[in-house]
């Protein structure tokens, strides 16, 4: 019996969430991070990025400490509350709000690309031979992919706002749906690294993902949560979610088993 789409998405979401522990073990067992140093500039870029983020948090903390010292009668509880608010608004907020999260994603797409390809190599036992041209093409695609996700996220949220503006009595669930929409499109960017390995265009990948919305949502939720870890959160998210996306899609979509003709049908279906 075929499950209705919503039930399938729920099953996919739960399946993906359960896959995180074994995907982490898979990542460590196969040492999927090895080879990242061949992208000579990537390590420097990530270190610089982490350093910049670190400075933001250090600045926030020092500003808070100075303000606390200038008010000796301040209640420490209120002071900590102010610190938490500043960490969000000045430190974490800019990372996960609006288009900035896609800019951050784009910076880490080389990590996602590398981990995804290494994971597929380990799963299929067929090592891929990535040329420098393949890498450059992937970075061009990553730019188009993140822009596409940003635009589609914005359109979807606009539609939700119009909907809840009409049906105001159910507006309390709007924040939950908005979060889910944002998480899904982040997840789509990560999961696309699986479809990319089979020659899907961004448009074909987007259409293909409508059958795996639960996977995209589970990947995006974890990615967004891990981004809240100061300094190294996005790097950790890139490693964890990219390997999980490939493992889960390898098991559910099984594109590696498709015949050439069937693959073309999958792309156009």
C-alpha atoms as a PDB file:
ATOM      1  CA  UNK A   1       0.000   0.000   0.000  1.00  0.00           C
ATOM      2  CA  UNK A   2       1.393   3.390  -1.022  1.00  0.00           C
ATOM      3  CA  UNK A   3       1.453   5.943   1.740  1.00  0.00           C
ATOM      4  CA  UNK A   4      -0.029   9.395   1.071  1.00  0.00           C
ATOM      5  CA  UNK A   5       2.645  12.057   0.473  1.00  0.00           C
ATOM      6  CA  UNK A   6       2.440  13.636   3.970  1.00  0.00           C
ATOM      7  CA  UNK A   7       2.836  10.251   5.654  1.00  0.00           C
ATOM      8  CA  UNK A   8       5.778   9.455   3.365  1.00  0.00           C
ATOM      9  CA  UNK A   9       7.424  12.749   4.257  1.00  0.00           C
ATOM     10  CA  UNK A  10       7.016  12.032   7.973  1.00  0.00           C
ATOM     11  CA  UNK A  11       8.562   8.580   7.477  1.00  0.00           C
ATOM     12  CA  UNK A  12      11.447  10.130   5.523  1.00  0.00           C
ATOM     13  CA  UNK A  13      11.992  12.732   8.233  1.00  0.00           C
ATOM     14  CA  UNK A  14      12.132  10.125  11.012  1.00  0.00           C
ATOM     15  CA  UNK A  15      14.316   7.797   8.906  1.00  0.00           C
ATOM     16  CA  UNK A  16      16.795  10.606   8.281  1.00  0.00           C
ATOM     17  CA  UNK A  17      16.909  11.659  11.927  1.00  0.00           C
ATOM     18  CA  UNK A  18      17.609   8.067  12.957  1.00  0.00           C
ATOM     19  CA  UNK A  19      20.389   7.886  10.358  1.00  0.00           C
ATOM     20  CA  UNK A  20      22.538  10.607  11.947  1.00  0.00           C
ATOM     21  CA  UNK A  21      24.354   8.405  14.506  1.00  0.00           C
ATOM     22  CA  UNK A  22      25.357   5.740  11.966  1.00  0.00           C
ATOM     23  CA  UNK A  23      26.248   8.384   9.390  1.00  0.00           C
ATOM     24  CA  UNK A  24      28.599   9.955  11.944  1.00  0.00           C
ATOM     25  CA  UNK A  25      30.208   6.563  12.500  1.00  0.00           C
ATOM     26  CA  UNK A  26      30.451   6.129   8.722  1.00  0.00           C
ATOM     27  CA  UNK A  27      32.169   9.514   8.450  1.00  0.00           C
ATOM     28  CA  UNK A  28      34.777   8.554  11.045  1.00  0.00           C
ATOM     29  CA  UNK A  29      35.247   4.981   9.819  1.00  0.00           C
ATOM     30  CA  UNK A  30      36.025   6.068   6.263  1.00  0.00           C
ATOM     31  CA  UNK A  31      37.780   9.296   7.294  1.00  0.00           C
ATOM     32  CA  UNK A  32      35.821  11.220   4.698  1.00  0.00           C
ATOM     33  CA  UNK A  33      37.552  14.485   5.568  1.00  0.00           C
ATOM     34  CA  UNK A  34      40.831  13.228   4.123  1.00  0.00           C
ATOM     35  CA  UNK A  35      41.778  14.949   0.907  1.00  0.00           C
ATOM     36  CA  UNK A  36      40.330  18.340   1.834  1.00  0.00           C
ATOM     37  CA  UNK A  37      43.845  19.741   1.965  1.00  0.00           C
ATOM     38  CA  UNK A  38      44.150  19.349  -1.784  1.00  0.00           C
ATOM     39  CA  UNK A  39      41.958  22.456  -2.027  1.00  0.00           C
ATOM     40  CA  UNK A  40      44.864  24.598  -0.855  1.00  0.00           C
ATOM     41  CA  UNK A  41      42.841  27.752  -0.339  1.00  0.00           C
ATOM     42  CA  UNK A  42      39.890  26.141   1.432  1.00  0.00           C
ATOM     43  CA  UNK A  43      41.635  25.596   4.758  1.00  0.00           C
ATOM     44  CA  UNK A  44      42.828  29.222   4.813  1.00  0.00           C
ATOM     45  CA  UNK A  45      39.337  30.466   3.966  1.00  0.00           C
ATOM     46  CA  UNK A  46      37.677  28.429   6.708  1.00  0.00           C
ATOM     47  CA  UNK A  47      40.239  29.446   9.318  1.00  0.00           C
ATOM     48  CA  UNK A  48      39.772  33.111   8.359  1.00  0.00           C
ATOM     49  CA  UNK A  49      35.994  32.727   8.481  1.00  0.00           C
ATOM     50  CA  UNK A  50      36.121  31.056  11.908  1.00  0.00           C
ATOM     51  CA  UNK A  51      38.459  33.787  13.159  1.00  0.00           C
ATOM     52  CA  UNK A  52      36.092  36.529  12.035  1.00  0.00           C
ATOM     53  CA  UNK A  53      33.164  34.821  13.776  1.00  0.00           C
ATOM     54  CA  UNK A  54      35.285  34.361  16.911  1.00  0.00           C
ATOM     55  CA  UNK A  55      36.045  38.070  16.973  1.00  0.00           C
ATOM     56  CA  UNK A  56      32.334  38.845  16.855  1.00  0.00           C
ATOM     57  CA  UNK A  57      31.668  36.700  19.917  1.00  0.00           C
ATOM     58  CA  UNK A  58      34.701  38.083  21.776  1.00  0.00           C
ATOM     59  CA  UNK A  59      33.551  41.626  20.994  1.00  0.00           C
ATOM     60  CA  UNK A  60      30.023  40.866  22.214  1.00  0.00           C
ATOM     61  CA  UNK A  61      31.363  39.406  25.469  1.00  0.00           C
ATOM     62  CA  UNK A  62      33.744  42.321  26.121  1.00  0.00           C
ATOM     63  CA  UNK A  63      31.003  44.881  25.457  1.00  0.00           C
ATOM     64  CA  UNK A  64      28.732  43.047  27.895  1.00  0.00           C
ATOM     65  CA  UNK A  65      31.469  42.789  30.546  1.00  0.00           C
ATOM     66  CA  UNK A  66      32.283  46.506  30.323  1.00  0.00           C
ATOM     67  CA  UNK A  67      28.610  47.445  30.604  1.00  0.00           C
ATOM     68  CA  UNK A  68      28.271  45.190  33.650  1.00  0.00           C
ATOM     69  CA  UNK A  69      31.292  46.791  35.327  1.00  0.00           C
ATOM     70  CA  UNK A  70      29.888  50.238  34.764  1.00  0.00           C
ATOM     71  CA  UNK A  71      26.727  49.248  36.638  1.00  0.00           C
ATOM     72  CA  UNK A  72      27.897  47.620  39.887  1.00  0.00           C
ATOM     73  CA  UNK A  73      24.374  47.391  41.218  1.00  0.00           C
ATOM     74  CA  UNK A  74      23.182  45.448  38.175  1.00  0.00           C
ATOM     75  CA  UNK A  75      21.490  42.150  38.772  1.00  0.00           C
ATOM     76  CA  UNK A  76      23.680  39.350  37.392  1.00  0.00           C
ATOM     77  CA  UNK A  77      20.599  37.492  36.118  1.00  0.00           C
ATOM     78  CA  UNK A  78      19.531  40.483  34.034  1.00  0.00           C
ATOM     79  CA  UNK A  79      23.124  40.862  32.901  1.00  0.00           C
ATOM     80  CA  UNK A  80      23.230  37.286  31.647  1.00  0.00           C
ATOM     81  CA  UNK A  81      19.908  37.809  29.898  1.00  0.00           C
ATOM     82  CA  UNK A  82      21.370  40.826  28.122  1.00  0.00           C
ATOM     83  CA  UNK A  83      24.415  38.764  27.141  1.00  0.00           C
ATOM     84  CA  UNK A  84      22.219  36.030  25.671  1.00  0.00           C
ATOM     85  CA  UNK A  85      20.257  38.606  23.705  1.00  0.00           C
ATOM     86  CA  UNK A  86      23.448  40.226  22.393  1.00  0.00           C
ATOM     87  CA  UNK A  87      24.948  36.860  21.426  1.00  0.00           C
ATOM     88  CA  UNK A  88      21.871  36.203  19.318  1.00  0.00           C
ATOM     89  CA  UNK A  89      21.445  39.638  17.766  1.00  0.00           C
ATOM     90  CA  UNK A  90      25.126  40.450  17.194  1.00  0.00           C
ATOM     91  CA  UNK A  91      26.715  37.027  16.985  1.00  0.00           C
ATOM     92  CA  UNK A  92      24.393  34.247  15.839  1.00  0.00           C
ATOM     93  CA  UNK A  93      21.557  36.237  14.366  1.00  0.00           C
ATOM     94  CA  UNK A  94      23.427  37.437  11.302  1.00  0.00           C
ATOM     95  CA  UNK A  95      24.463  33.837  10.497  1.00  0.00           C
ATOM     96  CA  UNK A  96      20.995  32.340  10.290  1.00  0.00           C
ATOM     97  CA  UNK A  97      18.908  35.282   9.124  1.00  0.00           C
ATOM     98  CA  UNK A  98      17.942  36.184   5.598  1.00  0.00           C
ATOM     99  CA  UNK A  99      20.400  35.614   2.812  1.00  0.00           C
ATOM    100  CA  UNK A 100      23.446  35.503   5.097  1.00  0.00           C
ATOM    101  CA  UNK A 101      22.948  31.820   5.869  1.00  0.00           C
ATOM    102  CA  UNK A 102      23.129  31.067   2.143  1.00  0.00           C
ATOM    103  CA  UNK A 103      26.320  33.106   1.856  1.00  0.00           C
ATOM    104  CA  UNK A 104      27.737  31.004   4.694  1.00  0.00           C
ATOM    105  CA  UNK A 105      26.468  27.853   2.993  1.00  0.00           C
ATOM    106  CA  UNK A 106      28.170  28.860  -0.231  1.00  0.00           C
ATOM    107  CA  UNK A 107      31.475  29.271   1.621  1.00  0.00           C
ATOM    108  CA  UNK A 108      31.182  25.727   2.920  1.00  0.00           C
ATOM    109  CA  UNK A 109      29.896  24.125  -0.288  1.00  0.00           C
ATOM    110  CA  UNK A 110      33.399  22.906  -1.117  1.00  0.00           C
ATOM    111  CA  UNK A 111      33.347  20.884   2.121  1.00  0.00           C
ATOM    112  CA  UNK A 112      29.890  19.512   1.326  1.00  0.00           C
ATOM    113  CA  UNK A 113      30.986  18.679  -2.222  1.00  0.00           C
ATOM    114  CA  UNK A 114      34.097  16.853  -1.008  1.00  0.00           C
ATOM    115  CA  UNK A 115      32.364  14.890   1.766  1.00  0.00           C
ATOM    116  CA  UNK A 116      29.452  13.937  -0.507  1.00  0.00           C
ATOM    117  CA  UNK A 117      31.727  12.596  -3.231  1.00  0.00           C
ATOM    118  CA  UNK A 118      33.894  10.707  -0.745  1.00  0.00           C
ATOM    119  CA  UNK A 119      30.785   9.233   0.901  1.00  0.00           C
ATOM    120  CA  UNK A 120      29.432   8.046  -2.447  1.00  0.00           C
ATOM    121  CA  UNK A 121      32.812   6.500  -3.288  1.00  0.00           C
ATOM    122  CA  UNK A 122      32.754   4.559  -0.009  1.00  0.00           C
ATOM    123  CA  UNK A 123      29.138   3.444  -0.467  1.00  0.00           C
ATOM    124  CA  UNK A 124      29.496   2.227  -4.056  1.00  0.00           C
ATOM    125  CA  UNK A 125      33.117   1.089  -3.946  1.00  0.00           C
ATOM    126  CA  UNK A 126      33.699   2.982  -7.185  1.00  0.00           C
ATOM    127  CA  UNK A 127      36.128   5.866  -6.655  1.00  0.00           C
ATOM    128  CA  UNK A 128      35.292   8.996  -8.582  1.00  0.00           C
ATOM    129  CA  UNK A 129      37.982  10.921 -10.410  1.00  0.00           C
ATOM    130  CA  UNK A 130      37.284  14.594  -9.791  1.00  0.00           C
ATOM    131  CA  UNK A 131      39.196  16.932 -12.055  1.00  0.00           C
ATOM    132  CA  UNK A 132      39.922  20.586 -11.359  1.00  0.00           C
ATOM    133  CA  UNK A 133      37.318  21.471 -13.994  1.00  0.00           C
ATOM    134  CA  UNK A 134      34.721  19.371 -12.120  1.00  0.00           C
ATOM    135  CA  UNK A 135      35.534  21.302  -8.961  1.00  0.00           C
ATOM    136  CA  UNK A 136      35.213  24.696 -10.673  1.00  0.00           C
ATOM    137  CA  UNK A 137      31.922  23.637 -12.293  1.00  0.00           C
ATOM    138  CA  UNK A 138      30.674  22.544  -8.879  1.00  0.00           C
ATOM    139  CA  UNK A 139      31.480  25.956  -7.382  1.00  0.00           C
ATOM    140  CA  UNK A 140      29.624  27.700 -10.203  1.00  0.00           C
ATOM    141  CA  UNK A 141      26.676  25.409  -9.550  1.00  0.00           C
ATOM    142  CA  UNK A 142      26.896  26.126  -5.817  1.00  0.00           C
ATOM    143  CA  UNK A 143      26.463  29.847  -6.480  1.00  0.00           C
ATOM    144  CA  UNK A 144      23.393  29.261  -8.642  1.00  0.00           C
ATOM    145  CA  UNK A 145      22.058  26.722  -6.153  1.00  0.00           C
ATOM    146  CA  UNK A 146      22.239  29.001  -3.111  1.00  0.00           C
ATOM    147  CA  UNK A 147      20.704  31.906  -5.037  1.00  0.00           C
ATOM    148  CA  UNK A 148      17.887  29.628  -6.251  1.00  0.00           C
ATOM    149  CA  UNK A 149      17.228  28.389  -2.699  1.00  0.00           C
ATOM    150  CA  UNK A 150      17.171  31.955  -1.359  1.00  0.00           C
ATOM    151  CA  UNK A 151      14.679  33.086  -4.007  1.00  0.00           C
ATOM    152  CA  UNK A 152      12.406  30.054  -3.580  1.00  0.00           C
ATOM    153  CA  UNK A 153      12.525  30.372   0.213  1.00  0.00           C
ATOM    154  CA  UNK A 154      11.552  34.042  -0.020  1.00  0.00           C
ATOM    155  CA  UNK A 155       8.659  33.286  -2.404  1.00  0.00           C
ATOM    156  CA  UNK A 156       7.381  30.440  -0.207  1.00  0.00           C
ATOM    157  CA  UNK A 157       7.476  32.590   2.940  1.00  0.00           C
ATOM    158  CA  UNK A 158       5.697  35.426   1.119  1.00  0.00           C
ATOM    159  CA  UNK A 159       2.918  33.012   0.119  1.00  0.00           C
ATOM    160  CA  UNK A 160       2.671  31.827   3.742  1.00  0.00           C
ATOM    161  CA  UNK A 161       2.386  35.414   4.999  1.00  0.00           C
ATOM    162  CA  UNK A 162      -0.401  36.150   2.519  1.00  0.00           C
ATOM    163  CA  UNK A 163      -2.170  32.921   3.522  1.00  0.00           C
ATOM    164  CA  UNK A 164      -1.968  33.638   7.246  1.00  0.00           C
ATOM    165  CA  UNK A 165      -2.987  37.237   6.614  1.00  0.00           C
ATOM    166  CA  UNK A 166      -6.253  35.891   5.199  1.00  0.00           C
ATOM    167  CA  UNK A 167      -6.716  33.103   7.762  1.00  0.00           C
ATOM    168  CA  UNK A 168      -5.568  34.991  10.816  1.00  0.00           C
ATOM    169  CA  UNK A 169      -7.211  32.569  13.269  1.00  0.00           C
ATOM    170  CA  UNK A 170      -4.530  29.940  12.591  1.00  0.00           C
ATOM    171  CA  UNK A 171      -1.616  32.396  12.600  1.00  0.00           C
ATOM    172  CA  UNK A 172      -0.047  30.863  15.777  1.00  0.00           C
ATOM    173  CA  UNK A 173       1.340  28.034  13.636  1.00  0.00           C
ATOM    174  CA  UNK A 174       2.952  30.465  11.184  1.00  0.00           C
ATOM    175  CA  UNK A 175       6.386  30.601  12.955  1.00  0.00           C
ATOM    176  CA  UNK A 176       6.598  26.795  12.900  1.00  0.00           C
ATOM    177  CA  UNK A 177       5.863  26.628   9.182  1.00  0.00           C
ATOM    178  CA  UNK A 178       8.252  29.497   8.413  1.00  0.00           C
ATOM    179  CA  UNK A 179      11.023  27.676  10.287  1.00  0.00           C
ATOM    180  CA  UNK A 180      10.202  24.468   8.406  1.00  0.00           C
ATOM    181  CA  UNK A 181      10.345  26.284   5.056  1.00  0.00           C
ATOM    182  CA  UNK A 182      13.722  27.842   5.876  1.00  0.00           C
ATOM    183  CA  UNK A 183      15.051  24.500   7.092  1.00  0.00           C
ATOM    184  CA  UNK A 184      13.844  22.673   3.979  1.00  0.00           C
ATOM    185  CA  UNK A 185      15.598  25.015   1.540  1.00  0.00           C
ATOM    186  CA  UNK A 186      18.837  24.781   3.491  1.00  0.00           C
ATOM    187  CA  UNK A 187      18.416  21.007   3.403  1.00  0.00           C
ATOM    188  CA  UNK A 188      17.762  21.126  -0.330  1.00  0.00           C
ATOM    189  CA  UNK A 189      21.124  22.833  -0.901  1.00  0.00           C
ATOM    190  CA  UNK A 190      22.912  20.090   1.050  1.00  0.00           C
ATOM    191  CA  UNK A 191      20.991  17.145  -0.451  1.00  0.00           C
ATOM    192  CA  UNK A 192      21.552  18.502  -3.955  1.00  0.00           C
ATOM    193  CA  UNK A 193      25.151  17.308  -3.620  1.00  0.00           C
ATOM    194  CA  UNK A 194      23.743  13.781  -4.069  1.00  0.00           C
ATOM    195  CA  UNK A 195      21.735  14.595  -7.221  1.00  0.00           C
ATOM    196  CA  UNK A 196      24.662  16.551  -8.643  1.00  0.00           C
ATOM    197  CA  UNK A 197      26.735  13.370  -8.783  1.00  0.00           C
ATOM    198  CA  UNK A 198      24.172  11.874 -11.192  1.00  0.00           C
ATOM    199  CA  UNK A 199      24.125  14.809 -13.586  1.00  0.00           C
ATOM    200  CA  UNK A 200      20.929  16.520 -12.420  1.00  0.00           C
ATOM    201  CA  UNK A 201      20.536  20.199 -13.203  1.00  0.00           C
ATOM    202  CA  UNK A 202      19.395  22.474 -10.356  1.00  0.00           C
ATOM    203  CA  UNK A 203      15.887  22.544 -11.820  1.00  0.00           C
ATOM    204  CA  UNK A 204      15.785  18.743 -12.106  1.00  0.00           C
ATOM    205  CA  UNK A 205      17.172  18.394  -8.596  1.00  0.00           C
ATOM    206  CA  UNK A 206      14.482  20.695  -7.215  1.00  0.00           C
ATOM    207  CA  UNK A 207      11.767  18.703  -8.964  1.00  0.00           C
ATOM    208  CA  UNK A 208      13.272  15.407  -7.799  1.00  0.00           C
ATOM    209  CA  UNK A 209      13.355  16.631  -4.183  1.00  0.00           C
ATOM    210  CA  UNK A 210       9.588  17.073  -4.110  1.00  0.00           C
ATOM    211  CA  UNK A 211       9.521  13.289  -3.535  1.00  0.00           C
ATOM    212  CA  UNK A 212      11.936  13.587  -0.613  1.00  0.00           C
ATOM    213  CA  UNK A 213      10.732  16.646   1.278  1.00  0.00           C
ATOM    214  CA  UNK A 214      11.043  14.779   4.587  1.00  0.00           C
ATOM    215  CA  UNK A 215      14.742  14.157   3.932  1.00  0.00           C
ATOM    216  CA  UNK A 216      15.386  17.783   3.016  1.00  0.00           C
ATOM    217  CA  UNK A 217      13.572  18.978   6.127  1.00  0.00           C
ATOM    218  CA  UNK A 218      15.512  16.661   8.464  1.00  0.00           C
ATOM    219  CA  UNK A 219      18.831  17.696   6.915  1.00  0.00           C
ATOM    220  CA  UNK A 220      17.958  21.389   7.095  1.00  0.00           C
ATOM    221  CA  UNK A 221      16.701  21.301  10.691  1.00  0.00           C
ATOM    222  CA  UNK A 222      19.924  19.727  11.955  1.00  0.00           C
ATOM    223  CA  UNK A 223      22.058  22.064   9.841  1.00  0.00           C
ATOM    224  CA  UNK A 224      20.297  25.138  11.246  1.00  0.00           C
ATOM    225  CA  UNK A 225      20.545  23.860  14.827  1.00  0.00           C
ATOM    226  CA  UNK A 226      24.267  23.090  14.508  1.00  0.00           C
ATOM    227  CA  UNK A 227      24.883  26.580  13.106  1.00  0.00           C
ATOM    228  CA  UNK A 228      24.126  27.905  16.591  1.00  0.00           C
ATOM    229  CA  UNK A 229      27.371  26.378  17.883  1.00  0.00           C
ATOM    230  CA  UNK A 230      29.787  29.333  18.020  1.00  0.00           C
ATOM    231  CA  UNK A 231      32.734  29.432  15.606  1.00  0.00           C
ATOM    232  CA  UNK A 232      32.744  25.828  14.360  1.00  0.00           C
ATOM    233  CA  UNK A 233      29.000  25.149  14.099  1.00  0.00           C
ATOM    234  CA  UNK A 234      28.693  25.573  10.344  1.00  0.00           C
ATOM    235  CA  UNK A 235      31.758  23.426   9.688  1.00  0.00           C
ATOM    236  CA  UNK A 236      30.358  20.652  11.899  1.00  0.00           C
ATOM    237  CA  UNK A 237      26.963  21.006  10.212  1.00  0.00           C
ATOM    238  CA  UNK A 238      28.560  20.673   6.764  1.00  0.00           C
ATOM    239  CA  UNK A 239      30.312  17.429   7.695  1.00  0.00           C
ATOM    240  CA  UNK A 240      27.425  15.816   9.541  1.00  0.00           C
ATOM    241  CA  UNK A 241      24.550  16.705   7.232  1.00  0.00           C
ATOM    242  CA  UNK A 242      26.342  16.128   3.913  1.00  0.00           C
ATOM    243  CA  UNK A 243      27.333  12.550   4.785  1.00  0.00           C
ATOM    244  CA  UNK A 244      23.853  11.845   6.205  1.00  0.00           C
ATOM    245  CA  UNK A 245      22.192  13.232   3.072  1.00  0.00           C
ATOM    246  CA  UNK A 246      24.212  10.931   0.810  1.00  0.00           C
ATOM    247  CA  UNK A 247      23.729   7.861   3.019  1.00  0.00           C
ATOM    248  CA  UNK A 248      19.956   8.376   3.273  1.00  0.00           C
ATOM    249  CA  UNK A 249      19.422   9.220  -0.412  1.00  0.00           C
ATOM    250  CA  UNK A 250      21.631   6.274  -1.390  1.00  0.00           C
ATOM    251  CA  UNK A 251      19.265   4.034   0.556  1.00  0.00           C
ATOM    252  CA  UNK A 252      15.963   5.669  -0.404  1.00  0.00           C
ATOM    253  CA  UNK A 253      16.444   7.037  -3.934  1.00  0.00           C
ATOM    254  CA  UNK A 254      18.904   4.354  -5.111  1.00  0.00           C
ATOM    255  CA  UNK A 255      19.959   6.361  -8.170  1.00  0.00           C
ATOM    256  CA  UNK A 256      23.151   4.305  -8.372  1.00  0.00           C
ATOM    257  CA  UNK A 257      21.005   1.330  -9.447  1.00  0.00           C
ATOM    258  CA  UNK A 258      19.160   3.186 -12.223  1.00  0.00           C
ATOM    259  CA  UNK A 259      19.767   2.241 -15.835  1.00  0.00           C
ATOM    260  CA  UNK A 260      20.682   5.081 -18.240  1.00  0.00           C
ATOM    261  CA  UNK A 261      17.167   5.232 -19.659  1.00  0.00           C
ATOM    262  CA  UNK A 262      15.597   5.134 -16.220  1.00  0.00           C
ATOM    263  CA  UNK A 263      17.931   7.894 -15.058  1.00  0.00           C
ATOM    264  CA  UNK A 264      16.673  10.175 -17.826  1.00  0.00           C
ATOM    265  CA  UNK A 265      13.129   9.376 -16.762  1.00  0.00           C
ATOM    266  CA  UNK A 266      13.981  10.227 -13.150  1.00  0.00           C
ATOM    267  CA  UNK A 267      15.355  13.583 -14.259  1.00  0.00           C
ATOM    268  CA  UNK A 268      12.304  14.493 -16.289  1.00  0.00           C
ATOM    269  CA  UNK A 269       9.564  12.880 -14.159  1.00  0.00           C
END
